[in-house]
Amino acid sequence: MGSHRKEKEDTGSYNYRMFNFFNRKYKITELTPAADILEAFTKFADRSAHMSSAQFRRFLVLHQGHLDCTLPEAERIIDEVIRRRHHLTRSPDTVV
């Protein structure tokens, strides 16, 4: 699996830069995640609406096969996602 960078465009699509060689564009057609994604999230989040860093690490190890993933690494990934997507993950009452 190579590295990729995801960029959201204003037109309702996602643009993935894969392996630093080519772009792949996906249109957003659904308002909710696919059934298999919801199933995996529900399983690893213990049916909660939120996933803890420990649960995310467990997902990475058992479902994604990242056997050497540590809890600090899982926390770093979560922090990075929140940092990049702050406009979507920020609480409405948070003052920036």
Protein backbone atom coordinates (compact mmCIF):
# COMPACT_ATOMS: atom_id res chain seq x y z
CA MET A 1 0.00 0.00 0.00
CA GLY A 2 1.47 3.32 -0.97
CA SER A 3 1.10 6.73 0.47
CA HIS A 4 -1.71 8.94 -0.68
CA ARG A 5 -2.92 12.45 -0.12
CA LYS A 6 -6.61 13.24 -0.11
CA GLU A 7 -7.90 16.65 -1.07
CA LYS A 8 -11.53 17.69 -0.96
CA GLU A 9 -12.64 19.87 -3.79
CA ASP A 10 -15.59 22.26 -3.57
CA THR A 11 -17.44 20.33 -6.29
CA GLY A 12 -18.39 17.42 -4.02
CA SER A 13 -15.56 15.08 -4.93
CA TYR A 14 -12.35 13.77 -3.45
CA ASN A 15 -9.05 13.85 -5.27
CA TYR A 16 -6.49 11.22 -4.19
CA ARG A 17 -2.84 11.55 -5.11
CA MET A 18 -1.56 7.98 -5.09
CA PHE A 19 2.11 7.04 -4.81
CA ASN A 20 3.01 10.61 -5.85
CA PHE A 21 2.49 9.55 -9.47
CA PHE A 22 -1.16 9.90 -10.40
CA ASN A 23 -4.43 11.43 -9.25
CA ARG A 24 -7.70 9.61 -8.82
CA LYS A 25 -10.92 11.54 -8.42
CA TYR A 26 -14.01 10.19 -6.68
CA LYS A 27 -17.41 11.87 -6.65
CA ILE A 28 -19.34 11.93 -3.41
CA THR A 29 -22.63 10.18 -4.09
CA GLU A 30 -23.73 9.00 -0.65
CA LEU A 31 -24.49 10.96 2.49
CA THR A 32 -23.49 8.08 4.78
CA PRO A 33 -20.51 5.71 4.77
CA ALA A 34 -20.85 2.36 3.01
CA ALA A 35 -22.34 -0.55 4.96
CA ASP A 36 -19.00 -2.36 5.35
CA ILE A 37 -17.39 0.75 6.81
CA LEU A 38 -20.24 1.24 9.27
CA GLU A 39 -20.02 -2.44 10.23
CA ALA A 40 -16.26 -2.26 10.90
CA PHE A 41 -16.62 0.98 12.87
CA THR A 42 -19.46 -0.44 14.97
CA LYS A 43 -17.47 -3.59 15.67
CA PHE A 44 -14.27 -1.86 16.76
CA ALA A 45 -16.01 1.04 18.57
CA ASP A 46 -18.01 -1.46 20.63
CA ARG A 47 -21.27 -0.07 19.19
CA SER A 48 -20.43 3.45 20.36
CA ALA A 49 -20.79 6.60 18.26
CA HIS A 50 -17.11 7.42 18.91
CA MET A 51 -13.91 5.38 18.72
CA SER A 52 -11.18 5.77 21.33
CA SER A 53 -7.51 5.74 20.41
CA ALA A 54 -7.19 2.26 21.97
CA GLN A 55 -10.10 1.02 19.86
CA PHE A 56 -8.59 2.64 16.77
CA ARG A 57 -5.26 0.93 17.47
CA ARG A 58 -7.10 -2.39 17.79
CA PHE A 59 -8.76 -1.71 14.40
CA LEU A 60 -5.38 -0.94 12.82
CA VAL A 61 -3.82 -4.12 14.21
CA LEU A 62 -6.65 -6.62 13.71
CA HIS A 63 -8.48 -5.26 10.66
CA GLN A 64 -5.78 -3.39 8.75
CA GLY A 65 -2.85 -5.68 9.64
CA HIS A 66 -0.58 -2.97 11.09
CA LEU A 67 0.82 -5.34 13.72
CA ASP A 68 3.48 -2.94 14.98
CA CYS A 69 1.06 -0.04 15.60
CA THR A 70 1.43 1.49 19.05
CA LEU A 71 -1.10 3.49 21.05
CA PRO A 72 0.92 6.73 20.63
CA GLU A 73 0.98 6.14 16.86
CA ALA A 74 -2.81 5.65 16.79
CA GLU A 75 -3.21 8.85 18.82
CA ARG A 76 -0.92 10.70 16.40
CA ILE A 77 -3.03 9.54 13.43
CA ILE A 78 -6.23 10.69 15.14
CA ASP A 79 -4.67 14.06 15.99
CA GLU A 80 -3.52 14.49 12.38
CA VAL A 81 -6.99 13.72 11.01
CA ILE A 82 -8.56 16.19 13.43
CA ARG A 83 -5.96 18.82 12.54
CA ARG A 84 -6.58 18.43 8.80
CA ARG A 85 -10.35 18.19 9.09
CA HIS A 86 -10.91 20.64 11.94
CA HIS A 87 -13.76 22.33 10.10
CA LEU A 88 -15.69 19.03 10.19
CA THR A 89 -14.67 17.74 13.62
CA ARG A 90 -14.84 20.96 15.60
CA SER A 91 -17.62 21.25 18.15
CA PRO A 92 -20.12 24.01 17.27
CA ASP A 93 -19.53 25.72 20.62
CA THR A 94 -15.73 25.69 20.28
CA VAL A 95 -14.20 29.13 19.88
CA VAL A 96 -11.11 29.25 17.72
